[in-house]
Amino acid sequence: MDRRIGNTDQLCEALRVTASEGPAKGAELILVSNGKLNLVLNATNCLDITRLWHGGVNIGFLTKNGLYNVPDEFSRTFPAGMLYTCGLDNIGAREGFRIHGRIHSVPASIKELRADECGVKVVGEIRLTELFGENITVTRTVETAFGSGRVDVKDEIKNNGYKPEKYSMLYHVNAGYPLADDGAVIEGDFAESIARTPWAEENKKTMLNIEGPSDNMEEMVYFHRQNVPSVSIVNRKLKKKLTLEYSADTLPYLIEWKSRGSGDYCIGLEPATSWLDGYVNGIDLDPGKTVVNKISIEVKDI
């Protein structure tokens, strides 16, 4: 025990709160501080990471919708946030499916919450079930060490049913201003890159450059395979670098979402089980089987 500390909340804290007004009213949130990072975890929505600051500087992207706890169509409620989980029934936009699936809308039951001089650990269970249908649990562990700029997310996906179930997952990691800004760049070891649309193909030469916003500009999406499962956003003007790492054995694909429209300005980096559109291919999860996905988000001063 450090004699200078009478309460370890001075070092690391995890505080459970409930939003009391506006579209977020009723959302169960966990405010996390580790001395370097401040995070908002949303237990009402899959224990996703709604907000993230590094040394007081905003890192993530929040849409104009903000945190939304009232059911409505996707485009009117999508908050983005630092991490928005997609799946298990669908990723992307496909006819007959909810856009990016339903997991984000499923509340997590908090099984463990620890904050001490070592760091913060939160464990939640998300159950995806249906009468005469699937019985899947996702046990999510979110950890960050004291004084660290890194947060680790581990999902253990288990089929508790008696027949195989197909699943797809995508981890929508979203960087916003001031990390995403004119002059910043995306860095990684890319083996293959495919533009999703003719507009994206037209701008493919600058797909790793982050330019400033432009009014009403159409989004650009690129499908990547990486030789090394690590991708960074580097902003030398801000002197910060975000690095996203992911488990390539279970998330072998990476999608880049480049949204330059004014007011919707974001760079999304999205490890996934497949690319989107006609590439979506559900993975069989046999009865009793567990698959583990891992991602980490680390921010450093450079």
Protein backbone atom coordinates (compact mmCIF):
# COMPACT_ATOMS: atom_id res chain seq x y z
CA MET A 1 0.00 0.00 0.00
CA ASP A 2 1.29 3.44 -0.95
CA ARG A 3 1.29 5.64 2.17
CA ARG A 4 0.60 8.67 -0.01
CA ILE A 5 -2.76 7.24 -1.11
CA GLY A 6 -5.78 6.80 1.12
CA ASN A 7 -8.22 6.04 -1.70
CA THR A 8 -7.13 4.32 -4.91
CA ASP A 9 -9.87 6.18 -6.83
CA GLN A 10 -7.26 8.94 -7.02
CA LEU A 11 -5.37 6.68 -9.43
CA CYS A 12 -8.00 4.56 -11.18
CA GLU A 13 -11.75 4.86 -11.01
CA ALA A 14 -14.82 3.15 -12.51
CA LEU A 15 -18.02 4.97 -11.64
CA ARG A 16 -21.47 3.67 -12.64
CA VAL A 17 -23.95 6.38 -13.62
CA THR A 18 -27.31 6.67 -15.41
CA ALA A 19 -28.05 9.34 -18.03
CA SER A 20 -30.96 11.41 -16.77
CA GLU A 21 -32.16 13.43 -19.75
CA GLY A 22 -32.34 13.79 -23.50
CA PRO A 23 -32.10 10.97 -26.06
CA ALA A 24 -29.62 9.14 -23.80
CA LYS A 25 -32.02 9.06 -20.85
CA GLY A 26 -31.84 5.74 -19.02
CA ALA A 27 -28.51 4.63 -20.50
CA GLU A 28 -26.31 2.83 -17.94
CA LEU A 29 -22.76 4.13 -18.26
CA ILE A 30 -19.42 3.41 -16.62
CA LEU A 31 -16.99 6.33 -16.36
CA VAL A 32 -13.41 5.03 -16.35
CA SER A 33 -10.23 6.94 -15.52
CA ASN A 34 -6.74 5.44 -15.31
CA GLY A 35 -4.64 8.58 -14.90
CA LYS A 36 -3.99 8.87 -18.65
CA LEU A 37 -7.18 7.72 -20.37
CA ASN A 38 -10.78 8.66 -19.69
CA LEU A 39 -13.42 6.37 -21.17
CA VAL A 40 -17.19 6.08 -21.16
CA LEU A 41 -18.41 2.49 -21.40
CA ASN A 42 -22.05 1.97 -22.34
CA ALA A 43 -23.48 -1.04 -20.49
CA THR A 44 -26.88 -0.46 -22.12
CA ASN A 45 -25.27 -0.94 -25.52
CA CYS A 46 -23.02 -3.98 -25.48
CA LEU A 47 -20.40 -2.38 -23.18
CA ASP A 48 -19.15 -0.43 -26.18
CA ILE A 49 -16.72 2.47 -25.73
CA THR A 50 -18.79 5.59 -26.30
CA ARG A 51 -16.05 8.17 -25.61
CA LEU A 52 -12.28 8.19 -25.15
CA TRP A 53 -9.88 11.00 -24.22
CA HIS A 54 -6.08 10.79 -23.96
CA GLY A 55 -4.52 13.36 -21.66
CA GLY A 56 -7.71 15.39 -21.98
CA VAL A 57 -7.71 15.33 -25.80
CA ASN A 58 -10.69 13.78 -27.58
CA ILE A 59 -9.78 10.76 -29.71
CA GLY A 60 -13.08 9.24 -30.85
CA PHE A 61 -15.86 10.38 -33.16
CA LEU A 62 -19.36 11.16 -31.94
CA THR A 63 -22.06 11.66 -34.58
CA LYS A 64 -24.52 14.52 -34.42
CA ASN A 65 -27.00 11.97 -33.00
CA GLY A 66 -24.86 11.61 -29.88
CA LEU A 67 -25.65 8.92 -27.34
CA TYR A 68 -29.13 7.66 -28.19
CA ASN A 69 -31.19 5.33 -26.02
CA VAL A 70 -34.48 5.63 -27.94
CA PRO A 71 -35.23 3.06 -30.69
CA ASP A 72 -35.29 4.57 -34.19
CA GLU A 73 -33.78 3.99 -37.62
CA PHE A 74 -30.02 3.42 -37.81
CA SER A 75 -29.02 6.73 -39.43
CA ARG A 76 -30.90 8.68 -36.74
CA THR A 77 -29.47 6.80 -33.76
CA PHE A 78 -25.96 5.66 -34.79
CA PRO A 79 -23.59 7.36 -32.31
CA ALA A 80 -20.34 5.91 -33.71
CA GLY A 81 -18.24 6.42 -30.57
CA MET A 82 -14.74 5.09 -30.05
CA LEU A 83 -15.99 1.51 -30.45
CA TYR A 84 -19.32 0.39 -31.92
CA THR A 85 -19.68 -3.39 -32.18
CA CYS A 86 -21.48 -4.87 -35.20
CA GLY A 87 -22.96 -8.36 -35.65
CA LEU A 88 -23.65 -11.14 -34.94
CA ASP A 89 -26.52 -11.55 -37.40
CA ASN A 90 -25.21 -8.99 -39.87
CA ILE A 91 -22.49 -6.48 -40.70
CA GLY A 92 -22.94 -3.70 -43.22
CA ALA A 93 -26.21 -2.95 -45.02
CA ARG A 94 -27.99 -5.98 -46.49
CA GLU A 95 -31.61 -6.37 -47.47
CA GLY A 96 -33.65 -8.13 -44.82
CA PHE A 97 -31.15 -7.39 -42.01
CA ARG A 98 -30.71 -4.59 -39.52
CA ILE A 99 -27.78 -2.37 -40.53
CA HIS A 100 -24.68 -3.67 -38.70
CA GLY A 101 -26.77 -6.20 -36.78
CA ARG A 102 -28.34 -6.09 -33.34
CA ILE A 103 -25.54 -6.72 -30.84
CA HIS A 104 -24.91 -3.02 -30.14
CA SER A 105 -28.51 -2.64 -28.99
CA VAL A 106 -28.28 -5.51 -26.47
CA PRO A 107 -27.52 -4.50 -22.85
CA ALA A 108 -24.59 -6.08 -21.04
CA SER A 109 -24.99 -7.61 -17.59
CA ILE A 110 -21.99 -6.47 -15.56
CA LYS A 111 -20.31 -9.50 -13.98
CA GLU A 112 -17.16 -7.83 -12.62
CA LEU A 113 -16.02 -4.27 -12.03
CA ARG A 114 -12.65 -3.62 -10.43
CA ALA A 115 -10.68 -0.41 -10.07
CA ASP A 116 -7.50 -0.30 -7.99
CA GLU A 117 -3.92 0.96 -8.13
CA CYS A 118 -3.18 -1.54 -10.93
CA GLY A 119 -5.94 -0.40 -13.29
CA VAL A 120 -9.55 -1.00 -14.26
CA LYS A 121 -11.25 -4.20 -15.37
CA VAL A 122 -14.88 -4.49 -16.46
CA VAL A 123 -16.54 -7.75 -17.51
CA GLY A 124 -19.99 -7.84 -19.08
CA GLU A 125 -22.14 -10.57 -20.60
CA ILE A 126 -24.23 -9.93 -23.70
CA ARG A 127 -26.84 -12.57 -24.51
CA LEU A 128 -28.18 -12.98 -28.05
CA THR A 129 -31.15 -15.32 -27.94
CA GLU A 130 -34.37 -16.10 -29.78
CA LEU A 131 -37.25 -18.48 -29.16
CA PHE A 132 -36.56 -21.49 -31.41
CA GLY A 133 -33.40 -19.66 -32.50
CA GLU A 134 -29.89 -18.87 -31.34
CA ASN A 135 -28.49 -18.97 -27.80
CA ILE A 136 -25.16 -17.13 -27.89
CA THR A 137 -23.31 -15.29 -25.15
CA VAL A 138 -20.58 -12.73 -25.69
CA THR A 139 -18.47 -12.25 -22.57
CA ARG A 140 -16.68 -8.94 -22.98
CA THR A 141 -13.66 -7.95 -20.89
CA VAL A 142 -12.42 -4.35 -21.03
CA GLU A 143 -9.10 -3.64 -19.27
CA THR A 144 -6.77 -0.69 -18.94
CA ALA A 145 -3.70 -0.41 -16.70
CA PHE A 146 -2.89 2.53 -14.45
CA GLY A 147 -1.18 5.33 -16.37
CA SER A 148 -1.53 3.48 -19.67
CA GLY A 149 -2.73 4.86 -22.98
CA ARG A 150 -4.00 1.42 -23.94
CA VAL A 151 -7.37 -0.28 -23.56
CA ASP A 152 -7.83 -3.98 -24.37
CA VAL A 153 -11.13 -5.54 -25.38
CA LYS A 154 -11.61 -9.31 -25.42
CA ASP A 155 -14.84 -10.97 -26.59
CA GLU A 156 -15.49 -14.65 -25.87
CA ILE A 157 -18.32 -15.74 -28.17
CA LYS A 158 -19.96 -19.01 -27.15
CA ASN A 159 -22.72 -21.03 -28.77
CA ASN A 160 -24.79 -22.37 -25.89
CA GLY A 161 -27.34 -23.96 -28.20
CA TYR A 162 -27.66 -27.37 -29.79
CA LYS A 163 -27.14 -26.54 -33.45
CA PRO A 164 -24.48 -24.60 -35.38
CA GLU A 165 -25.04 -20.86 -35.68
CA LYS A 166 -23.53 -18.51 -38.23
CA TYR A 167 -22.05 -15.25 -37.02
CA SER A 168 -20.29 -12.19 -38.42
CA MET A 169 -18.58 -9.43 -36.43
CA LEU A 170 -17.09 -6.03 -37.14
CA TYR A 171 -15.44 -3.67 -34.64
CA HIS A 172 -16.22 -0.11 -35.74
CA VAL A 173 -13.32 1.93 -34.25
CA ASN A 174 -13.86 5.62 -35.01
CA ALA A 175 -11.35 8.47 -34.77
CA GLY A 176 -12.58 12.06 -34.77
CA TYR A 177 -11.20 15.57 -34.51
CA PRO A 178 -8.66 16.62 -33.35
CA LEU A 179 -6.86 13.29 -33.91
CA ALA A 180 -8.46 13.01 -37.33
CA ASP A 181 -7.49 16.24 -39.05
CA ASP A 182 -5.95 17.59 -42.24
CA GLY A 183 -2.36 16.33 -42.54
CA ALA A 184 -2.75 13.19 -40.44
CA VAL A 185 -2.03 9.84 -42.10
CA ILE A 186 -2.95 6.17 -41.81
CA GLU A 187 -0.01 3.81 -41.49
CA GLY A 188 0.09 0.03 -41.80
CA ASP A 189 1.48 -2.92 -43.74
CA PHE A 190 -1.15 -3.50 -46.43
CA ALA A 191 -1.14 -6.56 -48.67
CA GLU A 192 -4.29 -5.72 -50.63
CA SER A 193 -6.66 -2.78 -50.89
CA ILE A 194 -9.98 -2.66 -52.79
CA ALA A 195 -12.18 0.40 -53.24
CA ARG A 196 -15.85 -0.20 -52.46
CA THR A 197 -17.29 2.33 -54.96
CA PRO A 198 -16.22 4.15 -58.13
CA TRP A 199 -15.85 7.36 -56.06
CA ALA A 200 -13.53 5.57 -53.64
CA GLU A 201 -11.57 4.11 -56.57
CA GLU A 202 -11.17 7.61 -58.01
CA ASN A 203 -9.54 8.69 -54.74
CA LYS A 204 -7.63 5.50 -54.01
CA LYS A 205 -4.18 7.10 -54.37
CA THR A 206 -4.89 9.20 -51.28
CA MET A 207 -6.77 6.57 -49.28
CA LEU A 208 -4.18 6.68 -46.47
CA ASN A 209 -4.10 10.48 -46.29
CA ILE A 210 -6.48 12.35 -44.02
CA GLU A 211 -7.62 15.59 -45.61
CA GLY A 212 -9.85 18.29 -44.18
CA PRO A 213 -13.66 18.24 -44.30
CA SER A 214 -15.67 19.18 -47.38
CA ASP A 215 -19.36 20.03 -47.52
CA ASN A 216 -21.62 17.15 -48.61
CA MET A 217 -18.74 14.91 -49.70
CA GLU A 218 -19.65 11.27 -50.27
CA GLU A 219 -18.03 8.74 -47.96
CA MET A 220 -15.21 6.48 -49.18
CA VAL A 221 -14.71 2.88 -48.04
CA TYR A 222 -11.72 0.62 -48.67
CA PHE A 223 -11.33 -3.09 -48.02
CA HIS A 224 -7.87 -4.06 -46.79
CA ARG A 225 -5.87 -7.16 -45.99
CA GLN A 226 -2.83 -6.54 -43.82
CA ASN A 227 0.41 -8.46 -43.52
CA VAL A 228 0.56 -7.41 -39.86
CA PRO A 229 -2.72 -6.88 -37.92
CA SER A 230 -1.90 -3.36 -36.80
CA VAL A 231 -2.95 0.02 -38.20
CA SER A 232 -2.27 3.54 -36.93
CA ILE A 233 -3.51 7.09 -37.32
CA VAL A 234 -0.59 9.48 -36.92
CA ASN A 235 -1.13 13.19 -36.34
CA ARG A 236 2.27 14.85 -36.09
CA LYS A 237 0.75 18.31 -35.69
CA LEU A 238 -1.17 17.14 -32.64
CA LYS A 239 1.77 14.92 -31.64
CA LYS A 240 -0.44 11.89 -31.03
CA LYS A 241 -0.68 8.43 -32.53
CA LEU A 242 -3.50 5.91 -32.27
CA THR A 243 -2.67 2.27 -32.94
CA LEU A 244 -5.32 -0.42 -33.39
CA GLU A 245 -4.26 -4.06 -33.08
CA TYR A 246 -6.54 -7.06 -33.59
CA SER A 247 -6.54 -10.85 -33.58
CA ALA A 248 -5.93 -11.73 -37.22
CA ASP A 249 -6.83 -15.39 -36.72
CA THR A 250 -10.45 -14.48 -35.96
CA LEU A 251 -10.64 -11.02 -37.60
CA PRO A 252 -8.65 -11.38 -40.84
CA TYR A 253 -10.11 -8.36 -42.67
CA LEU A 254 -9.85 -4.59 -42.18
CA ILE A 255 -12.24 -1.94 -43.50
CA GLU A 256 -11.42 1.76 -43.73
CA TRP A 257 -14.30 4.22 -43.53
CA LYS A 258 -13.27 7.67 -44.71
CA SER A 259 -16.02 10.19 -44.03
CA ARG A 260 -14.95 13.71 -45.01
CA GLY A 261 -18.37 15.36 -45.07
CA SER A 262 -18.58 18.49 -42.93
CA GLY A 263 -20.13 17.63 -39.57
CA ASP A 264 -19.72 13.89 -40.26
CA TYR A 265 -15.92 13.99 -40.28
CA CYS A 266 -14.42 10.65 -39.23
CA ILE A 267 -11.87 7.97 -39.98
CA GLY A 268 -13.15 4.50 -39.15
CA LEU A 269 -10.83 1.48 -38.85
CA GLU A 270 -12.80 -1.75 -38.65
CA PRO A 271 -11.38 -5.24 -38.06
CA ALA A 272 -13.96 -7.79 -39.19
CA THR A 273 -14.71 -11.40 -40.02
CA SER A 274 -15.25 -10.36 -43.65
CA TRP A 275 -15.50 -7.33 -45.89
CA LEU A 276 -18.96 -5.89 -46.62
CA ASP A 277 -21.58 -6.24 -49.37
CA GLY A 278 -21.24 -9.48 -51.31
CA TYR A 279 -18.20 -10.45 -49.26
CA VAL A 280 -20.24 -11.03 -46.07
CA ASN A 281 -19.95 -14.70 -45.20
CA GLY A 282 -21.18 -16.00 -41.85
CA ILE A 283 -18.82 -18.24 -39.89
CA ASP A 284 -20.13 -21.47 -38.38
CA LEU A 285 -20.04 -21.64 -34.60
CA ASP A 286 -20.66 -25.21 -33.47
CA PRO A 287 -22.60 -26.09 -30.30
CA GLY A 288 -20.47 -25.56 -27.20
CA LYS A 289 -17.71 -23.85 -29.18
CA THR A 290 -16.13 -20.55 -28.11
CA VAL A 291 -14.31 -18.09 -30.37
CA VAL A 292 -12.18 -15.29 -28.95
CA ASN A 293 -11.79 -11.90 -30.65
CA LYS A 294 -9.29 -9.35 -29.37
CA ILE A 295 -8.70 -5.72 -30.21
CA SER A 296 -6.60 -3.08 -28.51
CA ILE A 297 -6.62 0.69 -28.89
CA GLU A 298 -3.50 2.54 -27.79
CA VAL A 299 -2.83 6.28 -27.92
CA LYS A 300 0.67 7.69 -27.45
CA ASP A 301 2.29 11.10 -27.50
CA ILE A 302 4.88 11.35 -30.28
